[in-house]
Amino acid sequence: MFLYFCISQFSISLKMLWHIFKYYLGFVIAVFFKRTQISNVHNLKVKGPVILAMNHPNAFMDPVAISALVYPPRVRYLARGDAFKKGAATWVLESLGVIPIFRMQDGGKEGLLKNDDTYNIVNNLLKRNKKIIIFAEGICIQERRLRPLKKGVPRMIFGAMKDSDLKNLTVVPVGVNYQDPSQFRGTVFFNVGEPISINDYMKQYKEAPAKTMNVFLADLAAKMKSLIVNINYHRSEKVIEHLEIILKYDFFKSQNLNENNLEHDFLFSTKVVDVINKAEEIIPKKIIELTEKTSRYFSDLKKHQFKDWLINPDKQKGINYFVVILNIFFIILTLPIYVLGLLGNYVPYKLAYLITSKKVKIKEFKASFYMGIGAMLYLINYALLFFVPKVLYSGWLGLLIVIVSFISGYICLHLSPIRKKTLGMIRILFLKSKNEKKFNDLVHQRAEIIKMYLDLN
């Protein structure tokens, strides 16, 4: 009885720990990303057992970010089986709702046999109307396209219906879209599609299982592809990235869109990608020429440490010495806050960056480790900021230092872009006064790129 009591109490503690962990992660994600957004979140809150079928560009960041955004419903997810080593790590992962799934390259045939246990875990969770994320591509690659979905996806789904005697199972396709996925202060947009009822396929499945699973997989792939920015050709990725930067302001202005709305960002990106994808099929030479022009233009910008918005004709009215002086005055006025923010937060920020840069070589894992290491270091940092003054003087002083450091650090995130923009304006004004010919050349290059893009429509 005593042992049972201890185990039950420990289980309750783990659940509480999970909820605390989720709250903290929600805060960390709000700081790590400049913007996060999820569309049609109601589709994820349908009743009954639910499987979320997602693409997988950014390692642990994908499930962690969506788990925080859809909280309080708890979302479990499948992860590579080779991460489950013997010992405490496996126990902790399983306690947090992470389920191992083995691929041939992870554990060979022995690993694949272990998937029977995985399917049993999944089926038991679905019986209890839980929500489970599966990464339908079966691989994590940072590309803006949907890779072929694994055949194990329909086997798991239809197997769950058959083996668990479920009355229904809902599959919700989710598209994960990042801007600067490996960097601090990027964005993430979860684009949630319409739920798919597996009941709609069951009659056909009973008559022709293999054919039905192929049909379902094709349907799921089509729905998932519509939820992400899907670039058909690798060689188009850079030119599309450049065009998104150049065209965004004018497009948003003409369509009366909100630049802070990531769904509007997604609509804009898909528009650009559709134009380039079609042109690649019909007039690929034009895309090669456009790529050369955008590469030259951005190479020139980098040489002078400019951003594209500094060259945009529509922005020139706002780039003048009066605005620069006002900005400098604002920077001086807010300098004490900026300094306090740096003093209280720079060390863990820089340390997390250095550790990640040195130790993590695979880009798909950079953001996950950067955020994870940063979250841990900031906890240590704020603990020190509290306890050192508490021991030396007073707990109230420690609390005050923590509050001031946190608030000023958060303000720093918004002051830093203003400082960078002001420096950019100073550089462009200097170029205009010393080398107007070069500035006009940049303006001409930009206009030529826009004209070439419009001619593709």
Protein backbone atom coordinates (compact mmCIF):
# COMPACT_ATOMS: atom_id res chain seq x y z
CA MET A 1 0.00 0.00 0.00
CA PHE A 2 2.79 2.36 0.93
CA LEU A 3 4.58 1.65 -2.38
CA TYR A 4 1.36 2.21 -4.33
CA PHE A 5 0.83 5.49 -2.47
CA CYS A 6 4.37 6.65 -3.29
CA ILE A 7 3.99 5.74 -6.98
CA SER A 8 0.60 7.48 -7.26
CA GLN A 9 1.93 10.61 -5.55
CA PHE A 10 4.97 10.62 -7.82
CA SER A 11 2.72 10.27 -10.88
CA ILE A 12 0.68 13.28 -9.73
CA SER A 13 3.93 15.23 -9.23
CA LEU A 14 5.00 14.39 -12.78
CA LYS A 15 1.70 15.65 -14.15
CA MET A 16 2.08 18.88 -12.21
CA LEU A 17 5.66 19.16 -13.46
CA TRP A 18 4.44 18.72 -17.03
CA HIS A 19 1.91 21.56 -16.63
CA ILE A 20 4.54 23.84 -15.06
CA PHE A 21 6.91 22.92 -17.88
CA LYS A 22 4.24 23.86 -20.45
CA TYR A 23 3.59 27.23 -18.85
CA TYR A 24 7.29 28.01 -18.78
CA LEU A 25 7.71 26.84 -22.38
CA GLY A 26 4.84 29.08 -23.46
CA PHE A 27 6.70 32.03 -22.00
CA VAL A 28 10.05 30.96 -23.54
CA ILE A 29 8.49 30.55 -26.99
CA ALA A 30 6.89 34.01 -26.75
CA VAL A 31 10.39 35.44 -26.19
CA PHE A 32 12.30 33.21 -28.62
CA PHE A 33 10.00 33.96 -31.56
CA LYS A 34 9.20 37.44 -32.80
CA ARG A 35 5.72 36.22 -33.69
CA THR A 36 3.80 32.95 -33.38
CA GLN A 37 0.36 32.17 -34.76
CA ILE A 38 -1.93 29.22 -35.25
CA SER A 39 -4.90 29.28 -37.63
CA ASN A 40 -8.16 27.36 -37.17
CA VAL A 41 -7.14 26.12 -33.72
CA HIS A 42 -10.73 24.91 -33.21
CA ASN A 43 -9.96 22.08 -35.67
CA LEU A 44 -7.49 20.70 -33.13
CA LYS A 45 -10.05 20.65 -30.35
CA VAL A 46 -12.51 18.23 -31.96
CA LYS A 47 -13.86 15.55 -29.64
CA GLY A 48 -12.69 11.98 -29.70
CA PRO A 49 -9.31 10.50 -30.65
CA VAL A 50 -7.22 12.79 -32.88
CA ILE A 51 -4.03 12.36 -34.86
CA LEU A 52 -2.23 15.53 -35.99
CA ALA A 53 -0.34 14.89 -39.23
CA MET A 54 2.44 17.48 -39.54
CA ASN A 55 5.42 18.25 -41.73
CA HIS A 56 8.70 18.37 -39.82
CA PRO A 57 11.23 21.12 -40.67
CA ASN A 58 12.61 22.04 -37.24
CA ALA A 59 13.32 19.05 -34.96
CA PHE A 60 12.01 19.36 -31.37
CA MET A 61 10.80 22.91 -32.00
CA ASP A 62 7.82 21.70 -34.06
CA PRO A 63 6.03 19.66 -31.36
CA VAL A 64 7.13 21.90 -28.49
CA ALA A 65 5.84 25.08 -30.14
CA ILE A 66 2.46 23.66 -31.15
CA SER A 67 2.04 21.99 -27.72
CA ALA A 68 2.50 25.37 -26.07
CA LEU A 69 0.16 27.15 -28.48
CA VAL A 70 -2.75 24.68 -28.19
CA TYR A 71 -2.41 24.27 -24.41
CA PRO A 72 -4.32 23.29 -22.20
CA PRO A 73 -5.20 20.20 -24.30
CA ARG A 74 -2.20 17.91 -23.91
CA VAL A 75 -0.60 16.73 -27.13
CA ARG A 76 1.65 13.65 -27.27
CA TYR A 77 4.00 13.02 -30.14
CA LEU A 78 6.13 10.35 -31.75
CA ALA A 79 9.90 10.85 -31.75
CA ARG A 80 12.88 8.99 -33.19
CA GLY A 81 13.47 5.79 -31.26
CA ASP A 82 17.25 6.21 -31.16
CA ALA A 83 16.75 9.10 -28.69
CA PHE A 84 15.41 6.61 -26.13
CA LYS A 85 18.54 5.29 -24.44
CA LYS A 86 18.40 3.09 -21.36
CA GLY A 87 18.08 4.95 -18.09
CA ALA A 88 16.46 8.09 -16.73
CA ALA A 89 16.30 9.91 -20.07
CA THR A 90 13.87 7.38 -21.52
CA TRP A 91 11.73 7.42 -18.40
CA VAL A 92 11.54 11.23 -18.45
CA LEU A 93 10.66 11.32 -22.18
CA GLU A 94 7.90 8.75 -21.71
CA SER A 95 6.60 10.64 -18.66
CA LEU A 96 6.33 13.79 -20.78
CA GLY A 97 4.26 11.97 -23.37
CA VAL A 98 6.96 11.34 -25.98
CA ILE A 99 6.50 7.99 -27.76
CA PRO A 100 9.40 6.23 -29.57
CA ILE A 101 8.98 5.26 -33.21
CA PHE A 102 11.75 3.29 -34.90
CA ARG A 103 12.93 3.53 -38.48
CA MET A 104 15.16 1.04 -40.27
CA GLN A 105 18.09 3.47 -40.18
CA ASP A 106 17.67 4.01 -36.42
CA GLY A 107 17.52 0.48 -35.05
CA GLY A 108 17.48 -1.94 -37.99
CA LYS A 109 15.00 -4.81 -38.02
CA GLU A 110 15.16 -5.13 -34.22
CA GLY A 111 14.05 -1.50 -33.94
CA LEU A 112 11.15 -2.07 -36.30
CA LEU A 113 9.94 -4.94 -34.14
CA LYS A 114 9.76 -2.53 -31.20
CA ASN A 115 7.17 -0.51 -33.11
CA ASP A 116 4.57 -3.10 -32.10
CA ASP A 117 4.87 -1.68 -28.59
CA THR A 118 4.62 1.84 -30.03
CA TYR A 119 1.40 1.00 -31.85
CA ASN A 120 -0.04 -0.48 -28.64
CA ILE A 121 0.78 2.74 -26.76
CA VAL A 122 -0.76 4.85 -29.53
CA ASN A 123 -3.89 2.69 -29.66
CA ASN A 124 -4.37 2.86 -25.89
CA LEU A 125 -4.02 6.66 -25.97
CA LEU A 126 -6.51 6.94 -28.82
CA LYS A 127 -8.97 4.76 -26.90
CA ARG A 128 -8.81 7.42 -24.18
CA ASN A 129 -9.54 10.17 -26.75
CA LYS A 130 -6.03 11.64 -26.63
CA LYS A 131 -4.29 13.74 -29.29
CA ILE A 132 -1.09 12.48 -30.92
CA ILE A 133 1.27 14.22 -33.35
CA ILE A 134 2.83 12.16 -36.12
CA PHE A 135 5.41 13.60 -38.51
CA ALA A 136 4.05 12.15 -41.70
CA GLU A 137 7.21 12.69 -43.77
CA GLY A 138 9.15 10.47 -41.36
CA ILE A 139 12.20 12.74 -41.54
CA CYS A 140 13.24 16.18 -40.34
CA ILE A 141 14.62 18.41 -43.12
CA GLN A 142 14.57 22.20 -43.21
CA GLU A 143 13.01 22.67 -46.63
CA ARG A 144 10.02 24.66 -47.80
CA ARG A 145 8.31 21.74 -49.45
CA LEU A 146 6.40 18.61 -48.50
CA ARG A 147 8.42 15.45 -48.80
CA PRO A 148 6.75 12.10 -49.68
CA LEU A 149 4.64 10.80 -46.82
CA LYS A 150 5.56 7.47 -45.24
CA LYS A 151 3.40 4.42 -45.90
CA GLY A 152 3.51 3.63 -42.21
CA VAL A 153 1.15 6.57 -41.60
CA PRO A 154 -2.02 4.93 -43.00
CA ARG A 155 -0.96 1.57 -41.54
CA MET A 156 -0.88 3.13 -38.08
CA ILE A 157 -4.16 5.00 -38.58
CA PHE A 158 -6.23 2.18 -40.06
CA GLY A 159 -4.60 -0.30 -37.70
CA ALA A 160 -5.75 1.81 -34.77
CA MET A 161 -9.32 1.82 -36.10
CA LYS A 162 -9.29 -1.95 -36.55
CA ASP A 163 -7.37 -3.07 -33.47
CA SER A 164 -8.83 -0.59 -30.98
CA ASP A 165 -12.48 -0.84 -32.06
CA LEU A 166 -12.67 2.95 -32.34
CA LYS A 167 -16.02 4.34 -33.44
CA ASN A 168 -14.15 7.04 -35.35
CA LEU A 169 -10.71 8.57 -35.64
CA THR A 170 -10.02 12.13 -36.79
CA VAL A 171 -6.85 13.09 -38.64
CA VAL A 172 -6.05 16.80 -38.69
CA PRO A 173 -3.44 17.95 -41.24
CA VAL A 174 -1.17 20.74 -39.95
CA GLY A 175 1.31 22.78 -41.98
CA VAL A 176 4.34 24.21 -40.16
CA ASN A 177 5.75 27.39 -41.73
CA TYR A 178 8.83 29.22 -40.41
CA GLN A 179 10.70 32.38 -41.26
CA ASP A 180 14.36 32.10 -40.20
CA PRO A 181 13.76 28.67 -38.61
CA SER A 182 17.26 28.34 -37.14
CA GLN A 183 17.46 31.85 -35.72
CA PHE A 184 16.42 33.69 -32.57
CA ARG A 185 13.42 36.02 -33.16
CA GLY A 186 12.10 34.24 -36.23
CA THR A 187 8.42 33.42 -36.75
CA VAL A 188 6.34 30.24 -36.81
CA PHE A 189 2.87 29.80 -38.31
CA PHE A 190 0.85 26.61 -37.79
CA ASN A 191 -1.70 26.32 -40.56
CA VAL A 192 -4.39 23.85 -39.46
CA GLY A 193 -6.53 22.17 -42.10
CA GLU A 194 -9.97 20.65 -42.08
CA PRO A 195 -10.32 17.42 -40.04
CA ILE A 196 -10.47 14.14 -41.97
CA SER A 197 -12.85 11.48 -40.67
CA ILE A 198 -11.40 7.98 -41.09
CA ASN A 199 -14.97 6.61 -40.99
CA ASP A 200 -15.35 7.99 -44.52
CA TYR A 201 -12.73 5.48 -45.71
CA MET A 202 -13.69 2.41 -43.67
CA LYS A 203 -16.22 0.87 -46.06
CA GLN A 204 -13.71 1.05 -48.89
CA TYR A 205 -10.95 -0.18 -46.57
CA LYS A 206 -12.83 -3.38 -45.72
CA GLU A 207 -13.11 -4.20 -49.42
CA ALA A 208 -9.60 -3.14 -50.55
CA PRO A 209 -7.25 -2.27 -47.65
CA ALA A 210 -4.05 -1.58 -49.65
CA LYS A 211 -5.79 0.56 -52.27
CA THR A 212 -7.67 2.55 -49.61
CA MET A 213 -4.51 3.30 -47.66
CA ASN A 214 -2.89 4.63 -50.84
CA VAL A 215 -5.94 6.79 -51.56
CA PHE A 216 -5.91 8.16 -48.02
CA LEU A 217 -2.18 8.89 -48.19
CA ALA A 218 -2.66 10.80 -51.47
CA ASP A 219 -5.57 12.78 -49.97
CA LEU A 220 -3.57 13.61 -46.86
CA ALA A 221 -0.53 14.69 -48.90
CA ALA A 222 -2.66 17.04 -51.02
CA LYS A 223 -4.22 18.62 -47.93
CA MET A 224 -0.86 19.02 -46.16
CA LYS A 225 0.76 20.52 -49.26
CA SER A 226 -1.91 23.22 -49.38
CA LEU A 227 -1.06 24.22 -45.79
CA ILE A 228 2.63 24.97 -46.35
CA VAL A 229 4.75 27.08 -48.67
CA ASN A 230 5.73 24.44 -51.22
CA ILE A 231 8.67 25.27 -53.50
CA ASN A 232 8.92 22.69 -56.28
CA TYR A 233 12.56 23.24 -57.23
CA HIS A 234 15.57 23.47 -54.91
CA ARG A 235 17.24 26.01 -57.19
CA SER A 236 14.28 28.41 -56.73
CA GLU A 237 14.63 28.69 -52.96
CA LYS A 238 17.08 31.59 -52.90
CA VAL A 239 15.34 33.69 -55.54
CA ILE A 240 12.01 33.21 -53.75
CA GLU A 241 13.59 34.25 -50.44
CA HIS A 242 14.92 37.40 -52.12
CA LEU A 243 11.63 38.18 -53.87
CA GLU A 244 9.71 37.85 -50.61
CA ILE A 245 11.90 40.56 -49.10
CA ILE A 246 11.62 42.89 -52.10
CA LEU A 247 7.91 42.47 -52.86
CA LYS A 248 6.38 42.19 -49.39
CA TYR A 249 5.83 45.86 -48.55
CA ASP A 250 4.18 46.75 -51.86
CA PHE A 251 2.04 43.60 -51.88
CA PHE A 252 0.77 44.11 -48.33
CA LYS A 253 0.05 47.76 -49.08
CA SER A 254 -1.85 47.02 -52.30
CA GLN A 255 -3.88 44.19 -50.71
CA ASN A 256 -4.45 46.08 -47.42
CA LEU A 257 -2.90 43.24 -45.41
CA ASN A 258 -1.52 43.31 -41.88
CA GLU A 259 2.26 42.76 -41.71
CA ASN A 260 1.91 41.32 -38.18
CA ASN A 261 -0.55 38.65 -39.32
CA LEU A 262 1.36 35.47 -40.19
CA GLU A 263 -1.61 34.12 -42.13
CA HIS A 264 -1.29 37.14 -44.43
CA ASP A 265 2.43 36.38 -44.66
CA PHE A 266 1.56 32.85 -45.73
CA LEU A 267 -0.86 34.09 -48.42
CA PHE A 268 1.82 36.42 -49.77
CA SER A 269 4.51 33.72 -49.83
CA THR A 270 2.26 31.21 -51.58
CA LYS A 271 1.48 33.85 -54.23
CA VAL A 272 5.18 34.41 -54.94
CA VAL A 273 5.93 30.67 -54.90
CA ASP A 274 3.05 29.87 -57.28
CA VAL A 275 4.39 32.38 -59.81
CA ILE A 276 7.94 30.98 -59.64
CA ASN A 277 6.81 27.33 -59.67
CA LYS A 278 4.77 27.90 -62.83
CA ALA A 279 7.57 29.88 -64.50
CA GLU A 280 10.03 27.08 -63.72
CA GLU A 281 7.86 24.73 -65.76
CA ILE A 282 7.40 27.05 -68.74
CA ILE A 283 10.33 29.50 -68.91
CA PRO A 284 13.12 28.21 -66.64
CA LYS A 285 15.72 30.47 -68.33
CA LYS A 286 13.87 33.51 -67.01
CA ILE A 287 14.14 32.17 -63.45
CA ILE A 288 17.89 31.62 -63.89
CA GLU A 289 18.23 35.22 -65.13
CA LEU A 290 16.08 36.52 -62.26
CA THR A 291 18.15 34.52 -59.76
CA GLU A 292 21.35 36.10 -61.07
CA LYS A 293 19.88 39.61 -60.75
CA THR A 294 18.56 39.12 -57.21
CA SER A 295 21.87 37.54 -56.12
CA ARG A 296 23.82 40.52 -57.46
CA TYR A 297 21.43 42.99 -55.83
CA PHE A 298 21.60 41.34 -52.40
CA SER A 299 25.36 40.95 -52.69
CA ASP A 300 25.59 44.73 -53.21
CA LEU A 301 23.28 45.34 -50.24
CA LYS A 302 25.44 43.10 -48.02
CA LYS A 303 28.60 44.91 -49.14
CA HIS A 304 27.17 48.24 -47.93
CA GLN A 305 25.39 46.71 -44.87
CA PHE A 306 21.97 47.73 -46.20
CA LYS A 307 18.56 46.14 -45.92
CA ASP A 308 16.21 46.20 -48.90
CA TRP A 309 13.71 48.57 -47.26
CA LEU A 310 16.35 51.32 -47.32
CA ILE A 311 16.28 51.21 -51.15
CA ASN A 312 12.47 51.04 -51.50
CA PRO A 313 11.27 54.31 -53.15
CA ASP A 314 8.10 54.30 -51.01
CA LYS A 315 10.25 54.42 -47.85
CA GLN A 316 12.46 57.35 -48.88
CA LYS A 317 10.23 60.05 -47.37
CA GLY A 318 10.75 58.50 -43.95
CA ILE A 319 14.53 58.31 -44.35
CA ASN A 320 15.91 61.75 -43.55
CA TYR A 321 18.11 63.52 -41.02
CA PHE A 322 15.14 64.73 -38.99
CA VAL A 323 13.93 61.15 -38.41
CA VAL A 324 17.49 60.04 -37.64
CA ILE A 325 17.88 62.79 -35.02
CA LEU A 326 14.54 61.85 -33.42
CA ASN A 327 15.60 58.20 -33.33
CA ILE A 328 18.96 59.06 -31.80
CA PHE A 329 17.21 61.16 -29.16
CA PHE A 330 14.90 58.21 -28.40
CA ILE A 331 17.91 55.84 -28.22
CA ILE A 332 19.68 58.15 -25.76
CA LEU A 333 16.50 58.51 -23.71
CA THR A 334 16.04 54.75 -23.46
CA LEU A 335 19.76 53.98 -23.02
CA PRO A 336 19.48 53.31 -19.24
CA ILE A 337 16.76 50.68 -19.89
CA TYR A 338 18.83 49.16 -22.69
CA VAL A 339 21.95 48.95 -20.48
CA LEU A 340 19.96 47.39 -17.60
CA GLY A 341 18.51 44.86 -20.03
CA LEU A 342 21.98 43.94 -21.29
CA LEU A 343 23.46 43.68 -17.79
CA GLY A 344 20.68 41.36 -16.62
CA ASN A 345 20.34 39.19 -19.74
CA TYR A 346 23.33 39.33 -22.08
CA VAL A 347 25.45 36.58 -20.48
CA PRO A 348 22.89 33.72 -20.78
CA TYR A 349 21.83 34.97 -24.24
CA LYS A 350 25.40 35.04 -25.56
CA LEU A 351 26.39 31.81 -23.81
CA ALA A 352 23.41 29.93 -25.31
CA TYR A 353 24.36 31.26 -28.75
CA LEU A 354 28.03 30.25 -28.40
CA ILE A 355 27.24 26.75 -27.10
CA THR A 356 24.73 26.13 -29.89
CA SER A 357 27.05 27.50 -32.60
CA LYS A 358 29.94 25.33 -31.41
CA LYS A 359 28.15 22.09 -30.55
CA VAL A 360 25.18 21.90 -32.96
CA LYS A 361 26.19 21.48 -36.59
CA ILE A 362 22.89 20.24 -38.04
CA LYS A 363 20.71 23.24 -38.85
CA GLU A 364 17.45 21.38 -38.12
CA PHE A 365 18.50 21.12 -34.45
CA LYS A 366 19.96 24.60 -33.94
CA ALA A 367 16.77 26.41 -32.87
CA SER A 368 15.66 23.58 -30.56
CA PHE A 369 18.97 23.46 -28.73
CA TYR A 370 19.35 27.25 -28.73
CA MET A 371 15.95 27.65 -27.09
CA GLY A 372 16.44 24.72 -24.70
CA ILE A 373 19.91 25.80 -23.55
CA GLY A 374 18.75 29.42 -23.30
CA ALA A 375 15.71 28.45 -21.21
CA MET A 376 17.93 26.56 -18.76
CA LEU A 377 20.60 29.29 -18.57
CA TYR A 378 18.03 32.02 -17.99
CA LEU A 379 16.58 30.07 -15.06
CA ILE A 380 20.07 29.85 -13.55
CA ASN A 381 20.71 33.51 -14.36
CA TYR A 382 17.54 34.76 -12.65
CA ALA A 383 18.11 32.44 -9.68
CA LEU A 384 21.55 34.01 -9.19
CA LEU A 385 20.14 37.52 -9.62
CA PHE A 386 17.68 36.75 -6.82
CA PHE A 387 19.67 34.66 -4.35
CA VAL A 388 22.99 36.56 -4.37
CA PRO A 389 21.39 39.89 -3.29
CA LYS A 390 19.13 37.94 -0.90
CA VAL A 391 22.15 36.42 0.89
CA LEU A 392 24.17 39.64 0.84
CA TYR A 393 21.42 42.10 1.68
CA SER A 394 17.70 41.38 1.26
CA GLY A 395 15.27 39.15 -0.61
CA TRP A 396 13.31 42.24 -1.63
CA LEU A 397 16.39 43.61 -3.38
CA GLY A 398 16.82 40.29 -5.20
CA LEU A 399 13.20 40.33 -6.28
CA LEU A 400 13.52 43.92 -7.49
CA ILE A 401 16.64 43.08 -9.54
CA VAL A 402 14.87 40.10 -11.15
CA ILE A 403 11.80 42.18 -12.06
CA VAL A 404 13.89 45.06 -13.45
CA SER A 405 16.14 42.68 -15.42
CA PHE A 406 13.17 40.83 -16.90
CA ILE A 407 11.22 43.95 -17.93
CA SER A 408 14.26 45.81 -19.28
CA GLY A 409 15.40 42.66 -21.12
CA TYR A 410 12.02 42.30 -22.79
CA ILE A 411 12.06 45.99 -23.78
CA CYS A 412 15.56 45.44 -25.23
CA LEU A 413 14.09 43.02 -27.76
CA HIS A 414 12.02 45.89 -29.16
CA LEU A 415 14.67 48.60 -28.81
CA SER A 416 17.33 46.65 -30.69
CA PRO A 417 15.54 46.79 -34.10
CA ILE A 418 15.14 50.58 -33.74
CA ARG A 419 18.88 50.95 -33.15
CA LYS A 420 19.68 48.78 -36.19
CA LYS A 421 17.22 50.69 -38.42
CA THR A 422 18.72 54.01 -37.34
CA LEU A 423 22.22 52.81 -38.23
CA GLY A 424 20.88 51.68 -41.61
CA MET A 425 19.35 55.12 -42.27
CA ILE A 426 22.64 56.83 -41.38
CA ARG A 427 24.50 54.58 -43.83
CA ILE A 428 22.04 55.17 -46.68
CA LEU A 429 22.03 58.95 -46.14
CA PHE A 430 25.81 58.90 -46.17
CA LEU A 431 25.80 56.91 -49.45
CA LYS A 432 23.33 59.33 -51.03
CA SER A 433 25.53 62.31 -50.17
CA LYS A 434 28.84 60.71 -51.20
CA ASN A 435 27.92 58.31 -54.00
CA GLU A 436 24.45 59.01 -55.35
CA LYS A 437 25.28 57.07 -58.51
CA LYS A 438 25.64 53.86 -56.50
CA PHE A 439 22.37 54.50 -54.68
CA ASN A 440 20.59 55.04 -58.01
CA ASP A 441 22.15 51.84 -59.33
CA LEU A 442 20.65 49.91 -56.38
CA VAL A 443 17.25 51.53 -56.99
CA HIS A 444 17.50 50.57 -60.68
CA GLN A 445 18.45 46.97 -59.87
CA ARG A 446 15.49 46.69 -57.52
CA ALA A 447 13.03 48.12 -60.06
CA GLU A 448 14.36 45.76 -62.73
CA ILE A 449 13.82 42.74 -60.48
CA ILE A 450 10.23 43.77 -59.72
CA LYS A 451 9.51 44.27 -63.44
CA MET A 452 10.93 40.83 -64.29
CA TYR A 453 8.76 39.22 -61.60
CA LEU A 454 5.61 41.02 -62.80
CA ASP A 455 6.33 39.91 -66.37
CA LEU A 456 6.19 36.28 -65.17
CA ASN A 457 2.54 36.64 -64.08
